[in-house]
Amino acid sequence: DSVEHIDFLQKYMSEYLRVRPYFSCDFYPLTEFSDKSDAWCANQFDRPESGDGIIQAFRRENSPYDRARFILRGLDSDAIYDFEDIDGGTFSQSGSSLCTEGAEIIIPEKRKAKIWFYRKADKS
């Protein structure tokens, strides 16, 4: 159906336009390069000047793990960061914890990708 096709294109174009500004920022690979079908792949794009960024994570088709923990980089260890899953849901975590224990990323379905936006919380 062409209406469903247009809705699909609009959704993903909107997501692309939202993440595009981060692709020219500080880049941190969160996993080592691997082309194995059971490996996860994750990257962080950080804008230190505005205190925000994104995490992209990919669970490949043969990964037996539905979650992984990634140590984030370039963050303020004294701050709290608010996260938003592009598909819905939020959580907050301390910069200290993110830089030492990492952020737990859950992707229940195999062969899926997720994007999380994060922003340094206001100190109010």
N, C-alpha and C. Protein backbone atom coordinates (compact mmCIF):
# COMPACT_ATOMS: atom_id res chain seq x y z
N ASP A 1 0.85 -1.18 0.00
CA ASP A 1 0.00 0.00 0.00
C ASP A 1 0.89 1.24 0.00
N SER A 2 0.59 2.19 -0.86
CA SER A 2 1.45 3.37 -1.00
C SER A 2 1.41 4.27 0.23
N VAL A 3 0.28 4.31 0.94
CA VAL A 3 0.19 5.12 2.15
C VAL A 3 1.14 4.57 3.22
N GLU A 4 1.17 3.25 3.38
CA GLU A 4 2.09 2.64 4.34
C GLU A 4 3.54 2.90 3.95
N HIS A 5 3.82 2.83 2.67
CA HIS A 5 5.17 3.10 2.17
C HIS A 5 5.59 4.53 2.46
N ILE A 6 4.69 5.47 2.24
CA ILE A 6 4.98 6.89 2.52
C ILE A 6 5.19 7.10 4.01
N ASP A 7 4.34 6.49 4.85
CA ASP A 7 4.49 6.61 6.30
C ASP A 7 5.85 6.06 6.76
N PHE A 8 6.24 4.92 6.19
CA PHE A 8 7.54 4.31 6.51
C PHE A 8 8.67 5.27 6.15
N LEU A 9 8.63 5.81 4.94
CA LEU A 9 9.67 6.74 4.49
C LEU A 9 9.71 8.00 5.34
N GLN A 10 8.55 8.54 5.69
CA GLN A 10 8.52 9.74 6.52
C GLN A 10 9.10 9.49 7.90
N LYS A 11 8.78 8.33 8.49
CA LYS A 11 9.30 7.99 9.81
C LYS A 11 10.83 7.94 9.80
N TYR A 12 11.39 7.20 8.84
CA TYR A 12 12.84 7.03 8.83
C TYR A 12 13.58 8.26 8.33
N MET A 13 12.97 9.06 7.49
CA MET A 13 13.59 10.32 7.09
C MET A 13 13.63 11.27 8.28
N SER A 14 12.57 11.30 9.05
CA SER A 14 12.52 12.13 10.25
C SER A 14 13.61 11.71 11.24
N GLU A 15 13.77 10.39 11.44
CA GLU A 15 14.82 9.90 12.33
C GLU A 15 16.20 10.28 11.80
N TYR A 16 16.41 10.11 10.51
CA TYR A 16 17.70 10.46 9.92
C TYR A 16 18.02 11.95 10.13
N LEU A 17 17.04 12.80 9.89
CA LEU A 17 17.27 14.24 10.06
C LEU A 17 17.58 14.58 11.51
N ARG A 18 17.02 13.81 12.44
CA ARG A 18 17.27 14.07 13.85
C ARG A 18 18.69 13.64 14.27
N VAL A 19 19.20 12.53 13.70
CA VAL A 19 20.53 12.06 14.10
C VAL A 19 21.66 12.65 13.27
N ARG A 20 21.36 13.17 12.09
CA ARG A 20 22.39 13.67 11.18
C ARG A 20 23.36 14.68 11.80
N PRO A 21 22.92 15.63 12.62
CA PRO A 21 23.88 16.59 13.18
C PRO A 21 24.99 15.96 14.03
N TYR A 22 24.75 14.77 14.55
CA TYR A 22 25.73 14.12 15.42
C TYR A 22 26.86 13.46 14.63
N PHE A 23 26.66 13.19 13.36
CA PHE A 23 27.65 12.44 12.59
C PHE A 23 28.93 13.21 12.32
N SER A 24 28.95 14.51 12.58
CA SER A 24 30.18 15.29 12.41
C SER A 24 30.80 15.66 13.76
N CYS A 25 30.41 14.95 14.81
CA CYS A 25 30.91 15.24 16.16
C CYS A 25 31.98 14.22 16.56
N ASP A 26 32.34 14.25 17.84
CA ASP A 26 33.32 13.30 18.36
C ASP A 26 32.76 11.89 18.21
N PHE A 27 33.57 10.99 17.68
CA PHE A 27 33.15 9.63 17.40
C PHE A 27 33.94 8.65 18.27
N TYR A 28 33.22 7.75 18.93
CA TYR A 28 33.86 6.73 19.76
C TYR A 28 33.28 5.36 19.39
N PRO A 29 34.08 4.48 18.82
CA PRO A 29 33.59 3.12 18.61
C PRO A 29 33.50 2.43 19.98
N LEU A 30 32.37 1.83 20.29
CA LEU A 30 32.16 1.18 21.59
C LEU A 30 32.44 -0.31 21.54
N THR A 31 32.63 -0.83 20.34
CA THR A 31 33.01 -2.22 20.14
C THR A 31 34.17 -2.26 19.16
N GLU A 32 34.91 -3.35 19.20
CA GLU A 32 35.95 -3.55 18.21
C GLU A 32 35.30 -3.94 16.90
N PHE A 33 35.96 -3.64 15.79
CA PHE A 33 35.42 -4.03 14.50
C PHE A 33 35.32 -5.55 14.40
N SER A 34 34.19 -6.02 13.91
CA SER A 34 34.00 -7.43 13.65
C SER A 34 32.95 -7.58 12.57
N ASP A 35 33.17 -8.51 11.66
CA ASP A 35 32.15 -8.80 10.66
C ASP A 35 31.43 -10.11 10.98
N LYS A 36 31.64 -10.63 12.19
CA LYS A 36 31.00 -11.88 12.59
C LYS A 36 29.51 -11.65 12.84
N SER A 37 28.72 -12.62 12.45
CA SER A 37 27.26 -12.47 12.54
C SER A 37 26.72 -12.62 13.97
N ASP A 38 27.60 -12.97 14.93
CA ASP A 38 27.13 -13.08 16.32
C ASP A 38 27.64 -11.93 17.19
N ALA A 39 28.27 -10.95 16.59
CA ALA A 39 28.85 -9.83 17.34
C ALA A 39 27.92 -8.61 17.32
N TRP A 40 27.98 -7.85 18.38
CA TRP A 40 27.29 -6.57 18.43
C TRP A 40 28.22 -5.51 17.83
N CYS A 41 27.64 -4.42 17.38
CA CYS A 41 28.39 -3.26 16.91
C CYS A 41 27.75 -2.04 17.55
N ALA A 42 28.55 -1.18 18.18
CA ALA A 42 27.99 0.01 18.82
C ALA A 42 28.96 1.18 18.67
N ASN A 43 28.37 2.38 18.49
CA ASN A 43 29.14 3.61 18.33
C ASN A 43 28.50 4.73 19.15
N GLN A 44 29.33 5.67 19.56
CA GLN A 44 28.88 6.86 20.28
C GLN A 44 29.32 8.08 19.49
N PHE A 45 28.42 9.03 19.33
CA PHE A 45 28.71 10.33 18.73
C PHE A 45 28.40 11.36 19.80
N ASP A 46 29.39 12.18 20.17
CA ASP A 46 29.25 13.09 21.31
C ASP A 46 29.51 14.53 20.89
N ARG A 47 28.65 15.44 21.37
CA ARG A 47 28.86 16.88 21.15
C ARG A 47 29.19 17.51 22.50
N PRO A 48 30.49 17.57 22.85
CA PRO A 48 30.86 18.09 24.17
C PRO A 48 30.44 19.54 24.38
N GLU A 49 30.41 20.32 23.30
CA GLU A 49 30.04 21.74 23.44
C GLU A 49 28.58 21.93 23.83
N SER A 50 27.73 20.96 23.54
CA SER A 50 26.31 21.09 23.92
C SER A 50 25.87 20.03 24.92
N GLY A 51 26.79 19.15 25.33
CA GLY A 51 26.48 18.17 26.38
C GLY A 51 25.50 17.10 25.95
N ASP A 52 25.51 16.74 24.67
CA ASP A 52 24.58 15.71 24.22
C ASP A 52 25.24 14.81 23.18
N GLY A 53 24.53 13.75 22.80
CA GLY A 53 25.06 12.82 21.82
C GLY A 53 24.08 11.70 21.55
N ILE A 54 24.56 10.72 20.80
CA ILE A 54 23.75 9.54 20.51
C ILE A 54 24.60 8.28 20.64
N ILE A 55 23.92 7.18 20.90
CA ILE A 55 24.52 5.86 20.85
C ILE A 55 23.74 5.06 19.81
N GLN A 56 24.46 4.43 18.91
CA GLN A 56 23.85 3.51 17.95
C GLN A 56 24.35 2.12 18.29
N ALA A 57 23.43 1.16 18.39
CA ALA A 57 23.82 -0.22 18.68
C ALA A 57 23.10 -1.15 17.71
N PHE A 58 23.83 -2.16 17.26
CA PHE A 58 23.31 -3.14 16.31
C PHE A 58 23.51 -4.53 16.90
N ARG A 59 22.43 -5.28 17.01
CA ARG A 59 22.51 -6.68 17.42
C ARG A 59 22.39 -7.51 16.14
N ARG A 60 23.43 -8.23 15.83
CA ARG A 60 23.44 -9.01 14.58
C ARG A 60 22.61 -10.29 14.70
N GLU A 61 22.35 -10.90 13.55
CA GLU A 61 21.37 -11.98 13.46
C GLU A 61 21.70 -13.24 14.25
N ASN A 62 22.96 -13.50 14.55
CA ASN A 62 23.30 -14.71 15.29
C ASN A 62 23.79 -14.42 16.71
N SER A 63 23.59 -13.20 17.20
CA SER A 63 24.02 -12.88 18.56
C SER A 63 23.07 -13.56 19.56
N PRO A 64 23.63 -14.36 20.48
CA PRO A 64 22.79 -15.00 21.48
C PRO A 64 22.43 -14.06 22.64
N TYR A 65 23.01 -12.87 22.65
CA TYR A 65 22.85 -11.93 23.78
C TYR A 65 21.84 -10.85 23.44
N ASP A 66 20.89 -10.62 24.34
CA ASP A 66 19.89 -9.58 24.11
C ASP A 66 20.28 -8.26 24.77
N ARG A 67 21.43 -8.24 25.43
CA ARG A 67 21.89 -7.00 26.09
C ARG A 67 23.41 -6.95 26.10
N ALA A 68 23.90 -5.73 26.18
CA ALA A 68 25.34 -5.50 26.26
C ALA A 68 25.57 -4.23 27.07
N ARG A 69 26.75 -4.11 27.63
CA ARG A 69 27.11 -2.93 28.44
C ARG A 69 28.29 -2.24 27.76
N PHE A 70 28.14 -0.92 27.58
CA PHE A 70 29.16 -0.15 26.87
C PHE A 70 29.63 1.01 27.73
N ILE A 71 30.94 1.12 27.88
CA ILE A 71 31.55 2.25 28.60
C ILE A 71 31.52 3.46 27.67
N LEU A 72 30.90 4.55 28.12
CA LEU A 72 30.82 5.75 27.29
C LEU A 72 32.03 6.64 27.53
N ARG A 73 32.29 7.51 26.57
CA ARG A 73 33.48 8.34 26.62
C ARG A 73 33.11 9.81 26.43
N GLY A 74 33.99 10.69 26.88
CA GLY A 74 33.83 12.12 26.68
C GLY A 74 32.77 12.78 27.55
N LEU A 75 32.28 12.08 28.57
CA LEU A 75 31.21 12.64 29.40
C LEU A 75 31.76 13.29 30.66
N ASP A 76 30.95 14.13 31.26
CA ASP A 76 31.26 14.80 32.53
C ASP A 76 30.91 13.83 33.65
N SER A 77 31.91 13.35 34.39
CA SER A 77 31.66 12.36 35.43
C SER A 77 30.85 12.93 36.61
N ASP A 78 30.77 14.25 36.72
CA ASP A 78 29.99 14.87 37.80
C ASP A 78 28.54 15.16 37.41
N ALA A 79 28.16 14.86 36.19
CA ALA A 79 26.81 15.19 35.69
C ALA A 79 25.91 13.96 35.68
N ILE A 80 24.64 14.22 35.54
CA ILE A 80 23.62 13.19 35.29
C ILE A 80 23.21 13.35 33.82
N TYR A 81 23.01 12.23 33.15
CA TYR A 81 22.60 12.24 31.75
C TYR A 81 21.23 11.60 31.60
N ASP A 82 20.37 12.28 30.85
CA ASP A 82 19.04 11.77 30.52
C ASP A 82 19.10 11.13 29.15
N PHE A 83 18.58 9.91 29.04
CA PHE A 83 18.57 9.16 27.79
C PHE A 83 17.16 9.01 27.27
N GLU A 84 17.04 9.03 25.95
CA GLU A 84 15.76 8.81 25.28
C GLU A 84 15.97 7.79 24.17
N ASP A 85 15.22 6.69 24.24
CA ASP A 85 15.23 5.70 23.17
C ASP A 85 14.41 6.28 22.02
N ILE A 86 14.95 6.25 20.81
CA ILE A 86 14.24 6.83 19.67
C ILE A 86 12.89 6.16 19.44
N ASP A 87 12.75 4.91 19.92
CA ASP A 87 11.48 4.18 19.78
C ASP A 87 10.58 4.33 20.99
N GLY A 88 11.00 5.12 21.98
CA GLY A 88 10.20 5.34 23.17
C GLY A 88 10.90 4.82 24.42
N GLY A 89 10.74 5.52 25.52
CA GLY A 89 11.35 5.15 26.79
C GLY A 89 12.49 6.08 27.14
N THR A 90 12.67 6.28 28.43
CA THR A 90 13.72 7.16 28.93
C THR A 90 14.35 6.53 30.18
N PHE A 91 15.56 6.98 30.48
CA PHE A 91 16.21 6.65 31.74
C PHE A 91 17.29 7.70 31.99
N SER A 92 17.78 7.76 33.22
CA SER A 92 18.87 8.67 33.59
C SER A 92 19.97 7.86 34.26
N GLN A 93 21.21 8.35 34.12
CA GLN A 93 22.34 7.66 34.73
C GLN A 93 23.45 8.68 34.95
N SER A 94 24.24 8.46 35.99
CA SER A 94 25.32 9.39 36.30
C SER A 94 26.46 9.25 35.29
N GLY A 95 27.11 10.36 35.02
CA GLY A 95 28.27 10.35 34.13
C GLY A 95 29.36 9.45 34.68
N SER A 96 29.54 9.46 36.00
CA SER A 96 30.55 8.61 36.63
C SER A 96 30.27 7.14 36.33
N SER A 97 29.02 6.73 36.50
CA SER A 97 28.64 5.34 36.24
C SER A 97 28.78 4.99 34.76
N LEU A 98 28.37 5.90 33.88
CA LEU A 98 28.46 5.66 32.43
C LEU A 98 29.91 5.46 31.98
N CYS A 99 30.83 6.19 32.64
CA CYS A 99 32.25 6.13 32.25
C CYS A 99 33.00 4.98 32.91
N THR A 100 32.42 4.36 33.94
CA THR A 100 33.12 3.26 34.61
C THR A 100 32.39 1.93 34.45
N GLU A 101 31.07 1.92 34.71
CA GLU A 101 30.28 0.68 34.61
C GLU A 101 29.63 0.54 33.24
N GLY A 102 29.35 1.66 32.59
CA GLY A 102 28.75 1.65 31.26
C GLY A 102 27.24 1.72 31.28
N ALA A 103 26.69 1.85 30.10
CA ALA A 103 25.24 1.87 29.90
C ALA A 103 24.81 0.50 29.39
N GLU A 104 23.78 -0.06 30.01
CA GLU A 104 23.27 -1.34 29.54
C GLU A 104 22.28 -1.09 28.42
N ILE A 105 22.54 -1.72 27.29
CA ILE A 105 21.70 -1.58 26.10
C ILE A 105 21.01 -2.92 25.88
N ILE A 106 19.68 -2.88 25.75
CA ILE A 106 18.90 -4.10 25.55
C ILE A 106 18.23 -4.03 24.19
N ILE A 107 18.45 -5.07 23.39
CA ILE A 107 17.78 -5.22 22.10
C ILE A 107 17.22 -6.64 22.07
N PRO A 108 15.94 -6.79 22.39
CA PRO A 108 15.36 -8.14 22.49
C PRO A 108 15.37 -8.94 21.19
N GLU A 109 15.19 -8.26 20.06
CA GLU A 109 15.10 -8.97 18.78
C GLU A 109 16.48 -9.03 18.12
N LYS A 110 16.74 -10.18 17.48
CA LYS A 110 17.96 -10.32 16.71
C LYS A 110 17.81 -9.50 15.42
N ARG A 111 18.99 -9.09 14.90
CA ARG A 111 19.06 -8.32 13.65
C ARG A 111 18.27 -7.02 13.72
N LYS A 112 18.48 -6.30 14.83
CA LYS A 112 17.84 -5.01 15.05
C LYS A 112 18.87 -3.98 15.45
N ALA A 113 18.52 -2.73 15.23
CA ALA A 113 19.38 -1.60 15.63
C ALA A 113 18.55 -0.67 16.50
N LYS A 114 19.23 0.02 17.40
CA LYS A 114 18.58 0.99 18.28
C LYS A 114 19.42 2.25 18.33
N ILE A 115 18.74 3.35 18.62
CA ILE A 115 19.41 4.64 18.79
C ILE A 115 18.91 5.26 20.09
N TRP A 116 19.85 5.74 20.90
CA TRP A 116 19.53 6.47 22.12
C TRP A 116 20.15 7.85 22.02
N PHE A 117 19.36 8.86 22.34
CA PHE A 117 19.85 10.22 22.47
C PHE A 117 20.16 10.44 23.94
N TYR A 118 21.21 11.20 24.23
CA TYR A 118 21.47 11.56 25.62
C TYR A 118 21.79 13.03 25.71
N ARG A 119 21.50 13.59 26.86
CA ARG A 119 21.74 15.01 27.11
C ARG A 119 22.08 15.17 28.59
N LYS A 120 23.09 16.03 28.84
CA LYS A 120 23.44 16.35 30.22
C LYS A 120 22.24 17.04 30.86
N ALA A 121 21.83 16.53 32.03
CA ALA A 121 20.67 17.09 32.73
C ALA A 121 20.99 18.46 33.30
N ASP A 122 19.97 19.31 33.33
CA ASP A 122 20.12 20.64 33.94
C ASP A 122 20.34 20.47 35.43
N LYS A 123 21.16 21.35 35.99
CA LYS A 123 21.42 21.32 37.45
C LYS A 123 20.46 22.26 38.16
N SER A 124 19.18 21.93 38.10
CA SER A 124 18.20 22.81 38.76
C SER A 124 17.62 22.17 39.99
